[in-house]
Amino acid sequence: MSGREVFKIYAPASAKWTDWVRPVLFVAIDTYNRKPIGDWQDRKVMFIKEYQQDTAIFIDLPGKESIELGINLGYFGYRPIPVFNGTDEQRGSQATTNTYLIESCLINGSEKLKNIQLKSDANPAFLLDSYRTNRYRTKESIFDNSWDLYKQDVPSAKYFKQNGINKIIIVGDTIQRDIKKILLKFQEEGIEIYITDGYVFPKKVILTKTIKERFEREEI
């Protein structure tokens, strides 16, 4: 399939939330002639028992794992929304994040997703790459294609609440700094935040600002 065809599977015109599907890596599928990978793993959804009408999910795992888990959440009724914003390195060079693997997994995932019957207003499961903030370069020649999630990359707290969502589950080892900035505002506006490693049931967390974060915002 072409990058456009893969994109349309993740972002059908009639579905809610698909305005937030990032097109960057779908363009690269054509540019670099990406192919599906052969080691797709069906990741069992263990942290919820059923679809929750008031809940959106952010999967913050390594890109391949995020896509695999996001597709299986599709069987629960959630729509996977890829928000990968990294760019590809030049052919033959090294990079700080593996966008090639993510692009290939998006192709694999689309083959499964197109056979899942989702409601047009299915709640979103946003797919992130936990390696996106990896800016460690062992040598200068490595291409830095790291990226951050910004508030404009996801719906606002107001939009979530208008659509009946007042709870967000983060699937990951921790709540990374870029997501925390966004969720602090969500929390202030009445949205509850939960976290799980993907295996245990989500635990509610209360986000607080560090002294450095408060200083940066001139709160102290």
N, C-alpha and C. Protein backbone atom coordinates (compact mmCIF):
# COMPACT_ATOMS: atom_id res chain seq x y z
N MET A 1 0.83 -1.20 0.00
CA MET A 1 0.00 0.00 0.00
C MET A 1 0.86 1.25 0.00
N SER A 2 0.31 2.30 -0.55
CA SER A 2 1.01 3.58 -0.54
C SER A 2 0.85 4.24 0.83
N GLY A 3 1.67 5.25 1.10
CA GLY A 3 1.57 5.98 2.35
C GLY A 3 0.20 6.62 2.51
N ARG A 4 -0.37 7.13 1.42
CA ARG A 4 -1.69 7.75 1.47
C ARG A 4 -2.76 6.72 1.86
N GLU A 5 -2.66 5.53 1.30
CA GLU A 5 -3.64 4.49 1.61
C GLU A 5 -3.54 4.06 3.07
N VAL A 6 -2.32 3.95 3.56
CA VAL A 6 -2.12 3.59 4.97
C VAL A 6 -2.68 4.69 5.87
N PHE A 7 -2.41 5.95 5.51
CA PHE A 7 -2.90 7.09 6.28
C PHE A 7 -4.42 7.07 6.38
N LYS A 8 -5.10 6.79 5.27
CA LYS A 8 -6.56 6.81 5.26
C LYS A 8 -7.17 5.73 6.14
N ILE A 9 -6.44 4.64 6.34
CA ILE A 9 -6.93 3.58 7.22
C ILE A 9 -6.91 4.07 8.67
N TYR A 10 -5.85 4.81 9.03
CA TYR A 10 -5.77 5.35 10.39
C TYR A 10 -6.62 6.60 10.55
N ALA A 11 -6.87 7.31 9.47
CA ALA A 11 -7.57 8.58 9.55
C ALA A 11 -8.72 8.66 8.54
N PRO A 12 -9.72 7.79 8.66
CA PRO A 12 -10.86 7.88 7.75
C PRO A 12 -11.59 9.21 7.93
N ALA A 13 -12.07 9.76 6.86
CA ALA A 13 -12.65 11.11 6.88
C ALA A 13 -13.86 11.23 7.79
N SER A 14 -14.58 10.14 7.98
CA SER A 14 -15.83 10.20 8.73
C SER A 14 -15.64 10.01 10.24
N ALA A 15 -14.42 9.75 10.68
CA ALA A 15 -14.19 9.40 12.08
C ALA A 15 -13.73 10.59 12.91
N LYS A 16 -14.16 10.60 14.16
CA LYS A 16 -13.73 11.64 15.10
C LYS A 16 -12.29 11.36 15.54
N TRP A 17 -11.61 12.40 15.95
CA TRP A 17 -10.25 12.37 16.49
C TRP A 17 -9.16 12.23 15.45
N THR A 18 -9.50 11.93 14.21
CA THR A 18 -8.47 11.65 13.21
C THR A 18 -7.75 12.91 12.72
N ASP A 19 -8.24 14.09 13.08
CA ASP A 19 -7.51 15.32 12.74
C ASP A 19 -6.15 15.36 13.42
N TRP A 20 -5.98 14.54 14.45
CA TRP A 20 -4.71 14.55 15.19
C TRP A 20 -3.74 13.47 14.72
N VAL A 21 -4.08 12.72 13.70
CA VAL A 21 -3.12 11.77 13.13
C VAL A 21 -2.05 12.57 12.40
N ARG A 22 -0.79 12.40 12.79
CA ARG A 22 0.31 13.16 12.17
C ARG A 22 0.71 12.49 10.85
N PRO A 23 0.83 13.27 9.76
CA PRO A 23 1.08 12.68 8.44
C PRO A 23 2.56 12.43 8.11
N VAL A 24 3.48 12.92 8.96
CA VAL A 24 4.90 12.93 8.61
C VAL A 24 5.42 11.56 8.17
N LEU A 25 5.21 10.55 8.98
CA LEU A 25 5.80 9.23 8.68
C LEU A 25 5.06 8.50 7.57
N PHE A 26 3.81 8.88 7.33
CA PHE A 26 3.09 8.25 6.22
C PHE A 26 3.66 8.72 4.88
N VAL A 27 4.09 9.96 4.82
CA VAL A 27 4.76 10.48 3.62
C VAL A 27 6.05 9.71 3.38
N ALA A 28 6.77 9.41 4.46
CA ALA A 28 8.05 8.72 4.34
C ALA A 28 7.88 7.28 3.85
N ILE A 29 6.71 6.70 4.07
CA ILE A 29 6.48 5.33 3.58
C ILE A 29 6.70 5.26 2.08
N ASP A 30 6.26 6.28 1.36
CA ASP A 30 6.47 6.34 -0.09
C ASP A 30 7.88 6.78 -0.45
N THR A 31 8.35 7.80 0.26
CA THR A 31 9.66 8.38 -0.05
C THR A 31 10.78 7.36 0.05
N TYR A 32 10.71 6.51 1.07
CA TYR A 32 11.78 5.55 1.31
C TYR A 32 11.39 4.12 0.99
N ASN A 33 10.22 3.95 0.35
CA ASN A 33 9.77 2.63 -0.09
C ASN A 33 9.77 1.63 1.06
N ARG A 34 9.10 2.00 2.15
CA ARG A 34 9.05 1.14 3.32
C ARG A 34 8.24 -0.13 3.06
N LYS A 35 8.62 -1.20 3.75
CA LYS A 35 7.95 -2.49 3.63
C LYS A 35 7.48 -2.93 5.02
N PRO A 36 6.46 -3.81 5.08
CA PRO A 36 6.05 -4.34 6.39
C PRO A 36 7.18 -5.13 7.03
N ILE A 37 7.18 -5.17 8.36
CA ILE A 37 8.17 -5.98 9.06
C ILE A 37 7.58 -7.36 9.33
N GLY A 38 8.45 -8.31 9.60
CA GLY A 38 7.99 -9.68 9.76
C GLY A 38 7.79 -10.14 11.18
N ASP A 39 8.14 -9.32 12.17
CA ASP A 39 8.08 -9.79 13.56
C ASP A 39 7.00 -9.06 14.36
N TRP A 40 5.85 -8.85 13.75
CA TRP A 40 4.73 -8.23 14.45
C TRP A 40 4.33 -9.08 15.65
N GLN A 41 4.05 -8.42 16.77
CA GLN A 41 3.64 -9.14 17.98
C GLN A 41 2.27 -8.64 18.42
N ASP A 42 1.33 -9.55 18.56
CA ASP A 42 0.01 -9.19 19.07
C ASP A 42 0.12 -9.03 20.59
N ARG A 43 -0.04 -7.80 21.06
CA ARG A 43 0.13 -7.51 22.48
C ARG A 43 -1.22 -7.55 23.19
N LYS A 44 -1.34 -8.45 24.10
CA LYS A 44 -2.60 -8.63 24.83
C LYS A 44 -2.89 -7.41 25.68
N VAL A 45 -4.11 -6.93 25.63
CA VAL A 45 -4.53 -5.80 26.46
C VAL A 45 -4.89 -6.35 27.84
N MET A 46 -4.11 -5.95 28.85
CA MET A 46 -4.28 -6.51 30.18
C MET A 46 -4.72 -5.47 31.22
N PHE A 47 -4.58 -4.20 30.90
CA PHE A 47 -4.79 -3.17 31.92
C PHE A 47 -6.23 -2.67 31.99
N ILE A 48 -7.06 -3.04 31.03
CA ILE A 48 -8.50 -2.76 31.10
C ILE A 48 -9.25 -4.03 30.70
N LYS A 49 -10.48 -4.12 31.16
CA LYS A 49 -11.30 -5.29 30.83
C LYS A 49 -12.27 -5.01 29.69
N GLU A 50 -12.59 -3.72 29.50
CA GLU A 50 -13.56 -3.38 28.47
C GLU A 50 -13.41 -1.91 28.10
N TYR A 51 -14.08 -1.53 27.03
CA TYR A 51 -14.11 -0.14 26.56
C TYR A 51 -14.71 0.74 27.64
N GLN A 52 -14.10 1.90 27.86
CA GLN A 52 -14.59 2.85 28.85
C GLN A 52 -14.98 4.14 28.15
N GLN A 53 -16.25 4.47 28.20
CA GLN A 53 -16.80 5.59 27.45
C GLN A 53 -16.20 6.93 27.84
N ASP A 54 -15.72 7.05 29.08
CA ASP A 54 -15.22 8.34 29.58
C ASP A 54 -13.71 8.45 29.53
N THR A 55 -13.05 7.55 28.78
CA THR A 55 -11.59 7.43 28.85
C THR A 55 -10.90 7.51 27.50
N ALA A 56 -9.81 8.29 27.47
CA ALA A 56 -8.88 8.30 26.34
C ALA A 56 -7.56 7.71 26.83
N ILE A 57 -6.79 7.17 25.91
CA ILE A 57 -5.54 6.49 26.27
C ILE A 57 -4.37 7.08 25.51
N PHE A 58 -3.25 7.26 26.21
CA PHE A 58 -2.00 7.66 25.59
C PHE A 58 -1.01 6.52 25.79
N ILE A 59 -0.58 5.89 24.69
CA ILE A 59 0.37 4.78 24.80
C ILE A 59 1.77 5.33 24.56
N ASP A 60 2.57 5.38 25.62
CA ASP A 60 3.92 5.96 25.54
C ASP A 60 4.96 4.86 25.74
N LEU A 61 5.03 3.97 24.76
CA LEU A 61 5.98 2.87 24.73
C LEU A 61 6.89 3.03 23.52
N PRO A 62 7.95 2.24 23.39
CA PRO A 62 8.72 2.27 22.15
C PRO A 62 7.77 2.12 20.96
N GLY A 63 8.02 2.88 19.88
CA GLY A 63 7.08 3.00 18.78
C GLY A 63 6.43 1.73 18.30
N LYS A 64 7.21 0.69 18.09
CA LYS A 64 6.67 -0.59 17.62
C LYS A 64 5.65 -1.15 18.61
N GLU A 65 5.97 -1.10 19.89
CA GLU A 65 5.08 -1.62 20.91
C GLU A 65 3.81 -0.79 21.01
N SER A 66 3.94 0.52 20.85
CA SER A 66 2.77 1.40 20.89
C SER A 66 1.77 1.04 19.79
N ILE A 67 2.29 0.81 18.59
CA ILE A 67 1.41 0.47 17.47
C ILE A 67 0.75 -0.88 17.70
N GLU A 68 1.53 -1.86 18.13
CA GLU A 68 0.99 -3.21 18.35
C GLU A 68 -0.10 -3.20 19.42
N LEU A 69 0.15 -2.48 20.51
CA LEU A 69 -0.85 -2.41 21.57
C LEU A 69 -2.06 -1.59 21.12
N GLY A 70 -1.79 -0.50 20.38
CA GLY A 70 -2.87 0.34 19.90
C GLY A 70 -3.83 -0.39 18.98
N ILE A 71 -3.29 -1.24 18.12
CA ILE A 71 -4.15 -2.02 17.23
C ILE A 71 -5.02 -2.98 18.03
N ASN A 72 -4.44 -3.63 19.03
CA ASN A 72 -5.24 -4.55 19.83
C ASN A 72 -6.28 -3.83 20.68
N LEU A 73 -6.02 -2.56 21.03
CA LEU A 73 -7.05 -1.77 21.70
C LEU A 73 -8.22 -1.50 20.75
N GLY A 74 -7.93 -1.57 19.45
CA GLY A 74 -8.99 -1.42 18.47
C GLY A 74 -10.07 -2.48 18.64
N TYR A 75 -9.67 -3.68 19.03
CA TYR A 75 -10.65 -4.75 19.25
C TYR A 75 -11.53 -4.46 20.48
N PHE A 76 -11.05 -3.59 21.36
CA PHE A 76 -11.83 -3.17 22.52
C PHE A 76 -12.76 -2.00 22.17
N GLY A 77 -12.52 -1.39 21.01
CA GLY A 77 -13.36 -0.27 20.60
C GLY A 77 -12.67 1.06 20.52
N TYR A 78 -11.36 1.12 20.85
CA TYR A 78 -10.60 2.37 20.78
C TYR A 78 -9.99 2.56 19.40
N ARG A 79 -9.95 3.80 18.95
CA ARG A 79 -9.33 4.09 17.65
C ARG A 79 -7.88 4.51 17.85
N PRO A 80 -6.92 3.76 17.28
CA PRO A 80 -5.51 4.16 17.39
C PRO A 80 -5.23 5.41 16.57
N ILE A 81 -4.61 6.40 17.22
CA ILE A 81 -4.30 7.69 16.58
C ILE A 81 -2.79 7.91 16.63
N PRO A 82 -2.05 7.62 15.55
CA PRO A 82 -0.60 7.82 15.55
C PRO A 82 -0.25 9.31 15.58
N VAL A 83 0.56 9.71 16.54
CA VAL A 83 1.01 11.10 16.60
C VAL A 83 2.54 11.18 16.54
N PHE A 84 3.14 10.28 15.79
CA PHE A 84 4.60 10.28 15.62
C PHE A 84 5.02 11.48 14.79
N ASN A 85 5.99 12.24 15.28
CA ASN A 85 6.38 13.47 14.59
C ASN A 85 7.86 13.51 14.22
N GLY A 86 8.53 12.37 14.27
CA GLY A 86 9.95 12.34 13.92
C GLY A 86 10.15 12.38 12.41
N THR A 87 11.33 12.75 12.00
CA THR A 87 11.67 12.78 10.58
C THR A 87 12.73 11.73 10.29
N ASP A 88 12.79 11.31 9.04
CA ASP A 88 13.76 10.28 8.64
C ASP A 88 15.15 10.86 8.45
N GLU A 89 16.12 10.05 8.81
CA GLU A 89 17.50 10.40 8.53
C GLU A 89 17.80 10.19 7.05
N GLN A 90 18.90 10.74 6.57
CA GLN A 90 19.30 10.49 5.19
C GLN A 90 19.70 9.04 5.04
N ARG A 91 19.47 8.54 3.85
CA ARG A 91 19.76 7.13 3.59
C ARG A 91 21.22 6.79 3.93
N GLY A 92 21.39 5.73 4.71
CA GLY A 92 22.72 5.27 5.06
C GLY A 92 23.30 5.86 6.33
N SER A 93 22.59 6.81 6.96
CA SER A 93 23.09 7.43 8.18
C SER A 93 22.39 6.88 9.40
N GLN A 94 22.89 7.22 10.59
CA GLN A 94 22.31 6.79 11.84
C GLN A 94 21.46 7.92 12.43
N ALA A 95 20.50 7.55 13.27
CA ALA A 95 19.64 8.55 13.88
C ALA A 95 19.37 8.18 15.34
N THR A 96 18.86 9.15 16.10
CA THR A 96 18.61 8.90 17.52
C THR A 96 17.32 8.12 17.75
N THR A 97 16.37 8.17 16.81
CA THR A 97 15.15 7.37 16.92
C THR A 97 14.93 6.59 15.62
N ASN A 98 14.32 5.44 15.75
CA ASN A 98 14.18 4.52 14.62
C ASN A 98 12.83 4.73 13.92
N THR A 99 12.75 5.71 13.06
CA THR A 99 11.50 5.96 12.35
C THR A 99 11.23 4.89 11.30
N TYR A 100 12.27 4.26 10.79
CA TYR A 100 12.08 3.19 9.80
C TYR A 100 11.21 2.09 10.39
N LEU A 101 11.52 1.70 11.62
CA LEU A 101 10.77 0.62 12.27
C LEU A 101 9.31 1.05 12.49
N ILE A 102 9.12 2.29 12.90
CA ILE A 102 7.76 2.78 13.15
C ILE A 102 6.96 2.80 11.86
N GLU A 103 7.56 3.28 10.78
CA GLU A 103 6.85 3.33 9.49
C GLU A 103 6.45 1.94 9.02
N SER A 104 7.35 0.99 9.17
CA SER A 104 7.04 -0.38 8.77
C SER A 104 5.94 -0.97 9.63
N CYS A 105 5.95 -0.64 10.93
CA CYS A 105 4.90 -1.13 11.82
C CYS A 105 3.55 -0.50 11.51
N LEU A 106 3.56 0.76 11.07
CA LEU A 106 2.30 1.39 10.69
C LEU A 106 1.66 0.64 9.51
N ILE A 107 2.48 0.14 8.60
CA ILE A 107 1.95 -0.65 7.48
C ILE A 107 1.33 -1.93 8.01
N ASN A 108 2.08 -2.64 8.87
CA ASN A 108 1.54 -3.88 9.46
C ASN A 108 0.22 -3.61 10.18
N GLY A 109 0.22 -2.55 10.98
CA GLY A 109 -0.96 -2.24 11.76
C GLY A 109 -2.17 -1.92 10.89
N SER A 110 -1.92 -1.24 9.78
CA SER A 110 -3.04 -0.86 8.90
C SER A 110 -3.72 -2.09 8.31
N GLU A 111 -2.96 -3.14 8.04
CA GLU A 111 -3.54 -4.37 7.50
C GLU A 111 -4.53 -4.99 8.48
N LYS A 112 -4.26 -4.85 9.77
CA LYS A 112 -5.15 -5.37 10.79
C LYS A 112 -6.29 -4.39 11.07
N LEU A 113 -5.95 -3.10 11.13
CA LEU A 113 -6.94 -2.09 11.49
C LEU A 113 -8.07 -2.01 10.47
N LYS A 114 -7.76 -2.22 9.21
CA LYS A 114 -8.80 -2.09 8.19
C LYS A 114 -9.89 -3.15 8.33
N ASN A 115 -9.61 -4.20 9.09
CA ASN A 115 -10.60 -5.26 9.30
C ASN A 115 -11.32 -5.15 10.64
N ILE A 116 -11.02 -4.08 11.39
CA ILE A 116 -11.67 -3.86 12.68
C ILE A 116 -12.80 -2.86 12.49
N GLN A 117 -13.98 -3.21 12.90
CA GLN A 117 -15.14 -2.33 12.77
C GLN A 117 -15.21 -1.40 13.98
N LEU A 118 -14.83 -0.14 13.77
CA LEU A 118 -14.85 0.85 14.85
C LEU A 118 -15.98 1.84 14.64
N LYS A 119 -16.57 2.30 15.72
CA LYS A 119 -17.57 3.35 15.63
C LYS A 119 -16.91 4.65 15.19
N SER A 120 -17.65 5.49 14.50
CA SER A 120 -17.08 6.75 14.01
C SER A 120 -16.64 7.66 15.15
N ASP A 121 -17.28 7.51 16.32
CA ASP A 121 -16.91 8.35 17.46
C ASP A 121 -16.13 7.57 18.52
N ALA A 122 -15.49 6.48 18.12
CA ALA A 122 -14.70 5.68 19.06
C ALA A 122 -13.66 6.54 19.76
N ASN A 123 -13.49 6.36 21.05
CA ASN A 123 -12.52 7.13 21.81
C ASN A 123 -11.10 6.84 21.32
N PRO A 124 -10.20 7.81 21.45
CA PRO A 124 -8.85 7.66 20.89
C PRO A 124 -7.86 6.96 21.81
N ALA A 125 -6.94 6.24 21.19
CA ALA A 125 -5.74 5.74 21.85
C ALA A 125 -4.56 6.34 21.09
N PHE A 126 -3.97 7.38 21.65
CA PHE A 126 -2.89 8.10 20.97
C PHE A 126 -1.60 7.29 21.06
N LEU A 127 -0.94 7.11 19.92
CA LEU A 127 0.27 6.29 19.84
C LEU A 127 1.50 7.18 19.81
N LEU A 128 2.38 6.99 20.79
CA LEU A 128 3.61 7.77 20.91
C LEU A 128 4.82 6.84 20.89
N ASP A 129 5.98 7.43 20.66
CA ASP A 129 7.24 6.69 20.73
C ASP A 129 7.98 7.18 21.97
N SER A 130 8.15 6.31 22.95
CA SER A 130 8.81 6.73 24.19
C SER A 130 10.27 7.12 23.98
N TYR A 131 10.83 6.76 22.81
CA TYR A 131 12.20 7.14 22.50
C TYR A 131 12.29 8.52 21.84
N ARG A 132 11.15 9.20 21.72
CA ARG A 132 11.13 10.47 20.97
C ARG A 132 12.05 11.53 21.57
N THR A 133 12.24 11.49 22.88
CA THR A 133 13.08 12.51 23.53
C THR A 133 14.52 12.05 23.70
N ASN A 134 14.88 10.97 23.02
CA ASN A 134 16.25 10.46 23.09
C ASN A 134 17.19 11.37 22.29
N ARG A 135 17.90 12.21 23.00
CA ARG A 135 18.80 13.16 22.34
C ARG A 135 20.27 12.86 22.64
N TYR A 136 20.52 11.63 23.06
CA TYR A 136 21.89 11.23 23.36
C TYR A 136 22.58 10.83 22.07
N ARG A 137 23.62 11.55 21.70
CA ARG A 137 24.34 11.27 20.46
C ARG A 137 25.77 10.88 20.80
N THR A 138 26.15 9.66 20.41
CA THR A 138 27.50 9.18 20.71
C THR A 138 28.55 9.85 19.82
N LYS A 139 28.11 10.38 18.69
CA LYS A 139 29.03 11.10 17.81
C LYS A 139 28.24 12.12 17.00
N GLU A 140 28.93 13.13 16.51
CA GLU A 140 28.28 14.26 15.84
C GLU A 140 27.56 13.86 14.56
N SER A 141 27.99 12.79 13.93
CA SER A 141 27.41 12.40 12.65
C SER A 141 26.01 11.79 12.79
N ILE A 142 25.60 11.44 14.01
CA ILE A 142 24.27 10.85 14.21
C ILE A 142 23.21 11.93 14.06
N PHE A 143 22.19 11.63 13.27
CA PHE A 143 21.11 12.59 13.00
C PHE A 143 20.14 12.63 14.18
N ASP A 144 19.90 13.83 14.70
CA ASP A 144 19.00 14.00 15.83
C ASP A 144 17.58 14.21 15.31
N ASN A 145 16.79 13.15 15.31
CA ASN A 145 15.39 13.26 14.87
C ASN A 145 14.43 13.08 16.04
N SER A 146 14.88 13.52 17.22
CA SER A 146 14.02 13.48 18.40
C SER A 146 12.92 14.53 18.26
N TRP A 147 11.89 14.39 19.07
CA TRP A 147 10.79 15.36 19.01
C TRP A 147 10.04 15.36 20.34
N ASP A 148 9.26 16.39 20.55
CA ASP A 148 8.46 16.52 21.75
C ASP A 148 6.98 16.58 21.38
N LEU A 149 6.14 16.18 22.31
CA LEU A 149 4.70 16.33 22.14
C LEU A 149 4.30 17.69 22.71
N TYR A 150 3.58 18.47 21.90
CA TYR A 150 3.13 19.79 22.33
C TYR A 150 1.61 19.80 22.44
N LYS A 151 1.09 20.81 23.14
CA LYS A 151 -0.35 20.87 23.40
C LYS A 151 -1.16 20.90 22.11
N GLN A 152 -0.61 21.49 21.05
CA GLN A 152 -1.34 21.55 19.78
C GLN A 152 -1.37 20.20 19.05
N ASP A 153 -0.59 19.24 19.52
CA ASP A 153 -0.55 17.91 18.89
C ASP A 153 -1.70 17.02 19.35
N VAL A 154 -2.39 17.43 20.40
CA VAL A 154 -3.50 16.62 20.93
C VAL A 154 -4.69 17.53 21.21
N PRO A 155 -5.88 16.96 21.36
CA PRO A 155 -7.05 17.78 21.67
C PRO A 155 -6.88 18.51 23.01
N SER A 156 -7.60 19.59 23.17
CA SER A 156 -7.57 20.34 24.42
C SER A 156 -8.40 19.63 25.49
N ALA A 157 -8.17 20.00 26.74
CA ALA A 157 -8.97 19.45 27.84
C ALA A 157 -10.45 19.77 27.63
N LYS A 158 -10.72 20.98 27.13
CA LYS A 158 -12.10 21.38 26.89
C LYS A 158 -12.76 20.47 25.86
N TYR A 159 -12.02 20.15 24.79
CA TYR A 159 -12.58 19.29 23.74
C TYR A 159 -12.83 17.88 24.27
N PHE A 160 -11.88 17.38 25.06
CA PHE A 160 -12.08 16.06 25.66
C PHE A 160 -13.37 16.04 26.48
N LYS A 161 -13.53 17.03 27.34
CA LYS A 161 -14.68 17.06 28.23
C LYS A 161 -15.98 17.24 27.46
N GLN A 162 -15.94 18.04 26.40
CA GLN A 162 -17.13 18.22 25.57
C GLN A 162 -17.58 16.90 24.94
N ASN A 163 -16.63 15.99 24.78
CA ASN A 163 -16.92 14.70 24.17
C ASN A 163 -17.01 13.58 25.20
N GLY A 164 -17.25 13.96 26.44
CA GLY A 164 -17.53 12.98 27.49
C GLY A 164 -16.33 12.30 28.08
N ILE A 165 -15.13 12.79 27.80
CA ILE A 165 -13.92 12.17 28.32
C ILE A 165 -13.40 12.98 29.51
N ASN A 166 -13.36 12.35 30.66
CA ASN A 166 -12.85 13.01 31.86
C ASN A 166 -11.76 12.19 32.55
N LYS A 167 -11.25 11.18 31.84
CA LYS A 167 -10.18 10.35 32.38
C LYS A 167 -9.19 10.01 31.28
N ILE A 168 -7.90 10.11 31.59
CA ILE A 168 -6.85 9.74 30.64
C ILE A 168 -5.94 8.71 31.28
N ILE A 169 -5.69 7.64 30.56
CA ILE A 169 -4.76 6.60 31.01
C ILE A 169 -3.47 6.72 30.20
N ILE A 170 -2.36 6.82 30.91
CA ILE A 170 -1.04 6.78 30.27
C ILE A 170 -0.50 5.37 30.40
N VAL A 171 -0.11 4.77 29.28
CA VAL A 171 0.53 3.45 29.30
C VAL A 171 2.02 3.66 29.08
N GLY A 172 2.80 3.44 30.12
CA GLY A 172 4.24 3.66 30.01
C GLY A 172 4.89 3.50 31.37
N ASP A 173 6.21 3.55 31.38
CA ASP A 173 6.94 3.40 32.63
C ASP A 173 6.87 4.65 33.50
N THR A 174 6.68 5.80 32.85
CA THR A 174 6.63 7.06 33.57
C THR A 174 5.86 8.07 32.73
N ILE A 175 5.54 9.21 33.31
CA ILE A 175 4.93 10.28 32.55
C ILE A 175 6.04 11.25 32.17
N GLN A 176 6.39 11.23 30.90
CA GLN A 176 7.51 12.04 30.45
C GLN A 176 7.20 13.53 30.53
N ARG A 177 8.27 14.31 30.54
CA ARG A 177 8.17 15.74 30.81
C ARG A 177 7.25 16.46 29.82
N ASP A 178 7.33 16.11 28.53
CA ASP A 178 6.50 16.82 27.55
C ASP A 178 5.01 16.52 27.75
N ILE A 179 4.69 15.26 28.08
CA ILE A 179 3.30 14.91 28.34
C ILE A 179 2.83 15.54 29.65
N LYS A 180 3.69 15.56 30.63
CA LYS A 180 3.33 16.11 31.93
C LYS A 180 2.89 17.57 31.80
N LYS A 181 3.59 18.34 30.97
CA LYS A 181 3.22 19.75 30.78
C LYS A 181 1.79 19.88 30.30
N ILE A 182 1.40 18.99 29.40
CA ILE A 182 0.05 19.02 28.85
C ILE A 182 -0.97 18.56 29.89
N LEU A 183 -0.64 17.46 30.58
CA LEU A 183 -1.60 16.86 31.50
C LEU A 183 -1.79 17.68 32.78
N LEU A 184 -0.81 18.49 33.14
CA LEU A 184 -0.99 19.38 34.29
C LEU A 184 -2.17 20.31 34.05
N LYS A 185 -2.27 20.83 32.85
CA LYS A 185 -3.39 21.70 32.49
C LYS A 185 -4.69 20.91 32.48
N PHE A 186 -4.64 19.69 31.94
CA PHE A 186 -5.83 18.84 31.92
C PHE A 186 -6.33 18.59 33.34
N GLN A 187 -5.40 18.29 34.22
CA GLN A 187 -5.74 18.01 35.61
C GLN A 187 -6.40 19.23 36.26
N GLU A 188 -5.87 20.41 35.97
CA GLU A 188 -6.43 21.64 36.50
C GLU A 188 -7.86 21.84 36.03
N GLU A 189 -8.19 21.30 34.87
CA GLU A 189 -9.52 21.48 34.30
C GLU A 189 -10.45 20.29 34.60
N GLY A 190 -10.02 19.43 35.52
CA GLY A 190 -10.91 18.40 36.02
C GLY A 190 -10.80 17.03 35.39
N ILE A 191 -9.78 16.81 34.58
CA ILE A 191 -9.59 15.49 33.98
C ILE A 191 -8.66 14.66 34.88
N GLU A 192 -9.07 13.45 35.21
CA GLU A 192 -8.26 12.58 36.06
C GLU A 192 -7.20 11.86 35.23
N ILE A 193 -6.03 11.71 35.82
CA ILE A 193 -4.90 11.08 35.13
C ILE A 193 -4.55 9.76 35.83
N TYR A 194 -4.39 8.72 35.01
CA TYR A 194 -4.02 7.40 35.52
C TYR A 194 -2.79 6.90 34.76
N ILE A 195 -2.05 6.00 35.37
CA ILE A 195 -0.88 5.43 34.69
C ILE A 195 -0.83 3.92 34.93
N THR A 196 -0.34 3.20 33.92
CA THR A 196 -0.13 1.76 34.01
C THR A 196 1.07 1.40 33.16
N ASP A 197 1.73 0.32 33.53
CA ASP A 197 2.84 -0.16 32.70
C ASP A 197 2.33 -1.05 31.56
N GLY A 198 1.02 -1.20 31.49
CA GLY A 198 0.43 -2.04 30.45
C GLY A 198 0.01 -3.40 30.94
N TYR A 199 0.39 -3.73 32.17
CA TYR A 199 0.08 -5.04 32.72
C TYR A 199 -0.88 -4.95 33.90
N VAL A 200 -0.70 -3.94 34.76
CA VAL A 200 -1.55 -3.79 35.93
C VAL A 200 -2.67 -2.80 35.64
N PHE A 201 -3.72 -2.83 36.45
CA PHE A 201 -4.79 -1.87 36.27
C PHE A 201 -4.28 -0.46 36.58
N PRO A 202 -4.75 0.52 35.86
CA PRO A 202 -4.24 1.89 36.02
C PRO A 202 -4.42 2.43 37.44
N LYS A 203 -3.45 3.21 37.86
CA LYS A 203 -3.46 3.84 39.18
C LYS A 203 -3.58 5.35 39.00
N LYS A 204 -4.47 5.96 39.75
CA LYS A 204 -4.64 7.41 39.65
C LYS A 204 -3.41 8.12 40.21
N VAL A 205 -2.98 9.17 39.52
CA VAL A 205 -1.85 9.97 39.97
C VAL A 205 -2.26 11.44 40.05
N ILE A 206 -1.64 12.15 40.97
CA ILE A 206 -1.81 13.59 41.09
C ILE A 206 -0.51 14.24 40.65
N LEU A 207 -0.54 14.94 39.53
CA LEU A 207 0.65 15.57 39.00
C LEU A 207 0.94 16.86 39.75
N THR A 208 2.22 17.09 40.03
CA THR A 208 2.65 18.33 40.67
C THR A 208 3.85 18.88 39.92
N LYS A 209 4.06 20.17 40.03
CA LYS A 209 5.20 20.80 39.38
C LYS A 209 6.43 20.73 40.28
N THR A 210 7.57 20.50 39.66
CA THR A 210 8.83 20.54 40.40
C THR A 210 9.17 22.00 40.71
N ILE A 211 10.11 22.19 41.60
CA ILE A 211 10.55 23.55 41.92
C ILE A 211 11.07 24.24 40.67
N LYS A 212 11.80 23.50 39.83
CA LYS A 212 12.33 24.07 38.60
C LYS A 212 11.21 24.52 37.68
N GLU A 213 10.17 23.68 37.55
CA GLU A 213 9.05 24.02 36.68
C GLU A 213 8.29 25.24 37.21
N ARG A 214 8.14 25.32 38.51
CA ARG A 214 7.48 26.48 39.11
C ARG A 214 8.30 27.74 38.91
N PHE A 215 9.61 27.60 39.01
CA PHE A 215 10.50 28.74 38.82
C PHE A 215 10.43 29.24 37.38
N GLU A 216 10.42 28.28 36.44
CA GLU A 216 10.35 28.64 35.02
C GLU A 216 9.08 29.40 34.69
N ARG A 217 8.01 29.09 35.41
CA ARG A 217 6.73 29.76 35.19
C ARG A 217 6.55 30.98 36.11
N GLU A 218 7.63 31.34 36.81
CA GLU A 218 7.65 32.49 37.69
C GLU A 218 6.57 32.40 38.77
N GLU A 219 6.37 31.18 39.26
CA GLU A 219 5.39 30.98 40.33
C GLU A 219 6.05 31.10 41.71
N ILE A 220 7.37 31.10 41.73
CA ILE A 220 8.10 31.31 43.00
C ILE A 220 9.24 32.27 42.74
